[in-house]
Amino acid sequence: MSKEITRQALAEALLSEKPPVVFEALDRKYFDSGHLPGARVLPPAELGTVVPAQVAAKDAPIVVYCASDTCMNSHRAAEQLAAQGYSNVAVYAGGKKDWKEAGLKLEQ
């Protein structure tokens, strides 16, 4: 089971001196319609290549999220990243839906 991060903890981490690398585990069309601030697109089909190309340090803080708490892409992505040796991966289970419902802005 992947470790999870709350909306509050993620919002604070994004404002910190060393924010996590945030990936949206959805296809580009969903990413382009709005994503968390600073997030990078991580299409599920490209999981094996996108993260290693963008995050060299295996201990770098990484947060993955997807559409909502019913979307499992982020959990699958976190498990695959752990299998690739990434040791500091968290899932924001509420995803875009939770972020928007809290009144927080998405980037286009």
N, C-alpha and C. Protein backbone atom coordinates (compact mmCIF):
# COMPACT_ATOMS: atom_id res chain seq x y z
N MET A 1 0.85 -1.20 0.00
CA MET A 1 0.00 0.00 0.00
C MET A 1 0.89 1.25 0.00
N SER A 2 0.54 2.17 -0.84
CA SER A 2 1.32 3.40 -0.97
C SER A 2 1.05 4.34 0.20
N LYS A 3 2.05 5.13 0.53
CA LYS A 3 1.84 6.15 1.55
C LYS A 3 1.01 7.26 0.93
N GLU A 4 0.16 7.89 1.73
CA GLU A 4 -0.71 8.94 1.21
C GLU A 4 -0.35 10.28 1.83
N ILE A 5 -0.68 11.34 1.10
CA ILE A 5 -0.48 12.70 1.57
C ILE A 5 -1.83 13.41 1.52
N THR A 6 -2.12 14.22 2.53
CA THR A 6 -3.39 14.95 2.57
C THR A 6 -3.29 16.21 1.70
N ARG A 7 -4.44 16.78 1.39
CA ARG A 7 -4.47 18.03 0.63
C ARG A 7 -3.69 19.10 1.37
N GLN A 8 -3.93 19.23 2.68
CA GLN A 8 -3.26 20.24 3.49
C GLN A 8 -1.74 20.06 3.45
N ALA A 9 -1.29 18.83 3.65
CA ALA A 9 0.15 18.56 3.65
C ALA A 9 0.76 18.83 2.28
N LEU A 10 0.03 18.48 1.22
CA LEU A 10 0.53 18.72 -0.13
C LEU A 10 0.60 20.23 -0.41
N ALA A 11 -0.44 20.95 -0.05
CA ALA A 11 -0.46 22.40 -0.27
C ALA A 11 0.72 23.06 0.43
N GLU A 12 1.01 22.62 1.66
CA GLU A 12 2.14 23.18 2.41
C GLU A 12 3.47 22.78 1.76
N ALA A 13 3.57 21.53 1.32
CA ALA A 13 4.81 21.05 0.70
C ALA A 13 5.11 21.81 -0.58
N LEU A 14 4.06 22.15 -1.34
CA LEU A 14 4.26 22.87 -2.59
C LEU A 14 4.83 24.27 -2.36
N LEU A 15 4.60 24.81 -1.17
CA LEU A 15 5.11 26.15 -0.83
C LEU A 15 6.46 26.11 -0.12
N SER A 16 6.96 24.91 0.14
CA SER A 16 8.21 24.78 0.89
C SER A 16 9.42 25.04 -0.01
N GLU A 17 10.59 25.10 0.63
CA GLU A 17 11.82 25.35 -0.12
C GLU A 17 12.16 24.22 -1.06
N LYS A 18 11.79 23.00 -0.67
CA LYS A 18 12.07 21.83 -1.51
C LYS A 18 10.76 21.09 -1.78
N PRO A 19 9.95 21.64 -2.70
CA PRO A 19 8.66 21.00 -2.97
C PRO A 19 8.83 19.65 -3.66
N PRO A 20 7.85 18.77 -3.50
CA PRO A 20 7.93 17.49 -4.18
C PRO A 20 7.71 17.67 -5.68
N VAL A 21 8.15 16.68 -6.43
CA VAL A 21 7.83 16.62 -7.86
C VAL A 21 6.43 16.00 -7.93
N VAL A 22 5.49 16.70 -8.55
CA VAL A 22 4.10 16.25 -8.59
C VAL A 22 3.76 15.78 -10.00
N PHE A 23 3.18 14.58 -10.07
CA PHE A 23 2.77 14.01 -11.36
C PHE A 23 1.28 13.73 -11.35
N GLU A 24 0.63 14.07 -12.45
CA GLU A 24 -0.78 13.72 -12.64
C GLU A 24 -0.82 12.45 -13.49
N ALA A 25 -1.31 11.37 -12.90
CA ALA A 25 -1.33 10.06 -13.56
C ALA A 25 -2.57 9.88 -14.43
N LEU A 26 -2.71 10.79 -15.39
CA LEU A 26 -3.82 10.75 -16.34
C LEU A 26 -3.27 11.09 -17.72
N ASP A 27 -4.03 10.79 -18.75
CA ASP A 27 -3.60 11.13 -20.10
C ASP A 27 -3.57 12.64 -20.30
N ARG A 28 -2.80 13.07 -21.29
CA ARG A 28 -2.55 14.49 -21.52
C ARG A 28 -3.83 15.32 -21.67
N LYS A 29 -4.87 14.80 -22.29
CA LYS A 29 -6.09 15.61 -22.50
C LYS A 29 -6.69 16.04 -21.16
N TYR A 30 -6.60 15.19 -20.14
CA TYR A 30 -7.12 15.55 -18.82
C TYR A 30 -6.18 16.54 -18.15
N PHE A 31 -4.89 16.32 -18.30
CA PHE A 31 -3.88 17.22 -17.75
C PHE A 31 -4.06 18.62 -18.33
N ASP A 32 -4.24 18.69 -19.66
CA ASP A 32 -4.36 19.97 -20.34
C ASP A 32 -5.62 20.73 -19.94
N SER A 33 -6.64 20.02 -19.46
CA SER A 33 -7.88 20.70 -19.05
C SER A 33 -7.78 21.28 -17.64
N GLY A 34 -6.65 21.05 -16.98
CA GLY A 34 -6.42 21.61 -15.65
C GLY A 34 -5.68 20.62 -14.78
N HIS A 35 -4.66 21.12 -14.06
CA HIS A 35 -3.85 20.25 -13.20
C HIS A 35 -3.39 21.04 -11.97
N LEU A 36 -2.93 20.32 -10.96
CA LEU A 36 -2.42 20.97 -9.76
C LEU A 36 -1.22 21.85 -10.12
N PRO A 37 -1.02 22.94 -9.37
CA PRO A 37 0.09 23.85 -9.67
C PRO A 37 1.44 23.13 -9.73
N GLY A 38 2.13 23.34 -10.83
CA GLY A 38 3.47 22.76 -10.99
C GLY A 38 3.51 21.30 -11.36
N ALA A 39 2.35 20.68 -11.51
CA ALA A 39 2.32 19.25 -11.81
C ALA A 39 2.85 18.97 -13.22
N ARG A 40 3.33 17.76 -13.39
CA ARG A 40 3.80 17.29 -14.69
C ARG A 40 2.90 16.14 -15.13
N VAL A 41 2.74 15.99 -16.42
CA VAL A 41 1.86 14.94 -16.94
C VAL A 41 2.58 13.59 -16.88
N LEU A 42 1.85 12.56 -16.47
CA LEU A 42 2.38 11.20 -16.39
C LEU A 42 1.34 10.23 -16.96
N PRO A 43 1.26 10.14 -18.30
CA PRO A 43 0.30 9.21 -18.87
C PRO A 43 0.59 7.79 -18.39
N PRO A 44 -0.43 7.06 -17.95
CA PRO A 44 -0.20 5.71 -17.42
C PRO A 44 0.63 4.82 -18.35
N ALA A 45 0.43 4.96 -19.65
CA ALA A 45 1.16 4.11 -20.60
C ALA A 45 2.65 4.45 -20.67
N GLU A 46 3.04 5.63 -20.17
CA GLU A 46 4.44 6.06 -20.27
C GLU A 46 5.16 6.07 -18.92
N LEU A 47 4.59 5.42 -17.95
CA LEU A 47 5.14 5.44 -16.59
C LEU A 47 6.60 5.05 -16.52
N GLY A 48 6.99 4.04 -17.27
CA GLY A 48 8.35 3.54 -17.19
C GLY A 48 9.41 4.49 -17.71
N THR A 49 9.00 5.48 -18.52
CA THR A 49 9.99 6.37 -19.12
C THR A 49 9.91 7.81 -18.64
N VAL A 50 8.71 8.29 -18.31
CA VAL A 50 8.54 9.71 -17.96
C VAL A 50 9.29 10.07 -16.68
N VAL A 51 9.08 9.33 -15.61
CA VAL A 51 9.68 9.70 -14.33
C VAL A 51 11.20 9.59 -14.36
N PRO A 52 11.78 8.47 -14.82
CA PRO A 52 13.25 8.42 -14.86
C PRO A 52 13.86 9.54 -15.68
N ALA A 53 13.17 10.00 -16.72
CA ALA A 53 13.69 11.09 -17.55
C ALA A 53 13.65 12.43 -16.81
N GLN A 54 12.76 12.57 -15.82
CA GLN A 54 12.58 13.86 -15.15
C GLN A 54 13.09 13.89 -13.71
N VAL A 55 13.21 12.73 -13.09
CA VAL A 55 13.63 12.66 -11.69
C VAL A 55 14.77 11.66 -11.56
N ALA A 56 15.98 12.19 -11.42
CA ALA A 56 17.14 11.30 -11.36
C ALA A 56 17.32 10.68 -9.97
N ALA A 57 17.08 11.48 -8.93
CA ALA A 57 17.33 11.01 -7.57
C ALA A 57 16.22 10.07 -7.11
N LYS A 58 16.62 8.86 -6.75
CA LYS A 58 15.62 7.86 -6.33
C LYS A 58 14.97 8.21 -4.99
N ASP A 59 15.59 9.13 -4.23
CA ASP A 59 15.02 9.50 -2.93
C ASP A 59 14.29 10.86 -2.99
N ALA A 60 14.14 11.41 -4.19
CA ALA A 60 13.44 12.70 -4.34
C ALA A 60 11.98 12.53 -3.93
N PRO A 61 11.41 13.55 -3.26
CA PRO A 61 9.99 13.46 -2.90
C PRO A 61 9.12 13.58 -4.15
N ILE A 62 8.26 12.59 -4.33
CA ILE A 62 7.35 12.54 -5.48
C ILE A 62 5.93 12.36 -4.96
N VAL A 63 4.99 13.11 -5.55
CA VAL A 63 3.58 12.93 -5.24
C VAL A 63 2.86 12.64 -6.55
N VAL A 64 2.03 11.60 -6.55
CA VAL A 64 1.22 11.30 -7.72
C VAL A 64 -0.25 11.40 -7.34
N TYR A 65 -1.03 11.88 -8.30
CA TYR A 65 -2.48 12.00 -8.07
C TYR A 65 -3.17 11.73 -9.39
N CYS A 66 -4.49 11.53 -9.33
CA CYS A 66 -5.27 11.42 -10.57
C CYS A 66 -6.58 12.17 -10.39
N ALA A 67 -7.66 11.68 -10.94
CA ALA A 67 -8.89 12.47 -11.01
C ALA A 67 -9.58 12.64 -9.66
N SER A 68 -9.71 11.55 -8.91
CA SER A 68 -10.48 11.60 -7.66
C SER A 68 -10.13 10.39 -6.80
N ASP A 69 -10.80 10.26 -5.67
CA ASP A 69 -10.52 9.14 -4.78
C ASP A 69 -10.99 7.80 -5.34
N THR A 70 -11.74 7.80 -6.43
CA THR A 70 -12.15 6.54 -7.05
C THR A 70 -11.22 6.12 -8.19
N CYS A 71 -10.30 7.00 -8.56
CA CYS A 71 -9.34 6.73 -9.63
C CYS A 71 -8.13 6.02 -9.02
N MET A 72 -7.74 4.90 -9.58
CA MET A 72 -6.63 4.11 -9.03
C MET A 72 -5.31 4.32 -9.77
N ASN A 73 -5.30 5.18 -10.80
CA ASN A 73 -4.05 5.39 -11.55
C ASN A 73 -2.90 5.82 -10.66
N SER A 74 -3.18 6.71 -9.70
CA SER A 74 -2.10 7.22 -8.85
C SER A 74 -1.52 6.11 -7.97
N HIS A 75 -2.39 5.23 -7.47
CA HIS A 75 -1.90 4.12 -6.64
C HIS A 75 -1.05 3.15 -7.48
N ARG A 76 -1.50 2.86 -8.68
CA ARG A 76 -0.72 1.98 -9.56
C ARG A 76 0.62 2.63 -9.92
N ALA A 77 0.58 3.94 -10.20
CA ALA A 77 1.83 4.65 -10.53
C ALA A 77 2.80 4.60 -9.36
N ALA A 78 2.30 4.84 -8.15
CA ALA A 78 3.16 4.82 -6.95
C ALA A 78 3.79 3.45 -6.76
N GLU A 79 3.01 2.39 -6.97
CA GLU A 79 3.55 1.04 -6.82
C GLU A 79 4.64 0.78 -7.85
N GLN A 80 4.41 1.21 -9.09
CA GLN A 80 5.41 1.01 -10.13
C GLN A 80 6.67 1.83 -9.86
N LEU A 81 6.50 3.05 -9.36
CA LEU A 81 7.66 3.87 -9.03
C LEU A 81 8.47 3.22 -7.90
N ALA A 82 7.78 2.68 -6.91
CA ALA A 82 8.48 1.98 -5.82
C ALA A 82 9.25 0.79 -6.38
N ALA A 83 8.65 0.08 -7.32
CA ALA A 83 9.31 -1.07 -7.93
C ALA A 83 10.54 -0.63 -8.74
N GLN A 84 10.53 0.61 -9.24
CA GLN A 84 11.68 1.15 -9.97
C GLN A 84 12.75 1.70 -9.03
N GLY A 85 12.49 1.64 -7.72
CA GLY A 85 13.49 2.07 -6.75
C GLY A 85 13.27 3.45 -6.15
N TYR A 86 12.17 4.11 -6.50
CA TYR A 86 11.89 5.41 -5.89
C TYR A 86 11.37 5.17 -4.48
N SER A 87 12.02 5.81 -3.50
CA SER A 87 11.75 5.49 -2.09
C SER A 87 10.89 6.51 -1.37
N ASN A 88 10.56 7.63 -2.01
CA ASN A 88 9.85 8.71 -1.31
C ASN A 88 8.63 9.15 -2.12
N VAL A 89 7.74 8.18 -2.40
CA VAL A 89 6.57 8.43 -3.23
C VAL A 89 5.32 8.45 -2.36
N ALA A 90 4.48 9.46 -2.56
CA ALA A 90 3.21 9.54 -1.85
C ALA A 90 2.08 9.73 -2.86
N VAL A 91 0.89 9.26 -2.47
CA VAL A 91 -0.30 9.40 -3.30
C VAL A 91 -1.22 10.45 -2.67
N TYR A 92 -1.64 11.40 -3.48
CA TYR A 92 -2.68 12.34 -3.05
C TYR A 92 -3.99 11.73 -3.57
N ALA A 93 -4.62 10.96 -2.69
CA ALA A 93 -5.75 10.12 -3.10
C ALA A 93 -6.97 10.93 -3.54
N GLY A 94 -7.18 12.11 -2.96
CA GLY A 94 -8.35 12.91 -3.33
C GLY A 94 -8.28 13.45 -4.74
N GLY A 95 -7.07 13.63 -5.23
CA GLY A 95 -6.86 14.06 -6.59
C GLY A 95 -7.45 15.42 -6.94
N LYS A 96 -7.61 15.61 -8.25
CA LYS A 96 -8.10 16.90 -8.76
C LYS A 96 -9.45 17.28 -8.18
N LYS A 97 -10.32 16.31 -8.01
CA LYS A 97 -11.68 16.59 -7.51
C LYS A 97 -11.61 17.22 -6.11
N ASP A 98 -10.82 16.62 -5.22
CA ASP A 98 -10.68 17.11 -3.85
C ASP A 98 -10.05 18.51 -3.84
N TRP A 99 -9.05 18.71 -4.67
CA TRP A 99 -8.34 20.00 -4.76
C TRP A 99 -9.32 21.09 -5.17
N LYS A 100 -10.10 20.83 -6.22
CA LYS A 100 -11.06 21.83 -6.72
C LYS A 100 -12.17 22.08 -5.70
N GLU A 101 -12.67 21.01 -5.06
CA GLU A 101 -13.75 21.17 -4.08
C GLU A 101 -13.32 22.00 -2.88
N ALA A 102 -12.02 22.03 -2.62
CA ALA A 102 -11.49 22.84 -1.52
C ALA A 102 -11.32 24.30 -1.94
N GLY A 103 -11.66 24.60 -3.20
CA GLY A 103 -11.54 25.97 -3.67
C GLY A 103 -10.15 26.34 -4.13
N LEU A 104 -9.30 25.35 -4.31
CA LEU A 104 -7.93 25.61 -4.77
C LEU A 104 -7.89 25.63 -6.29
N LYS A 105 -7.00 26.42 -6.83
CA LYS A 105 -6.94 26.62 -8.27
C LYS A 105 -6.15 25.54 -8.99
N LEU A 106 -6.58 25.28 -10.22
CA LEU A 106 -5.84 24.41 -11.12
C LEU A 106 -5.14 25.29 -12.14
N GLU A 107 -4.03 24.80 -12.67
CA GLU A 107 -3.34 25.48 -13.76
C GLU A 107 -3.80 24.88 -15.07
N GLN A 108 -3.75 25.70 -16.11
CA GLN A 108 -4.10 25.19 -17.46
C GLN A 108 -2.83 24.99 -18.25
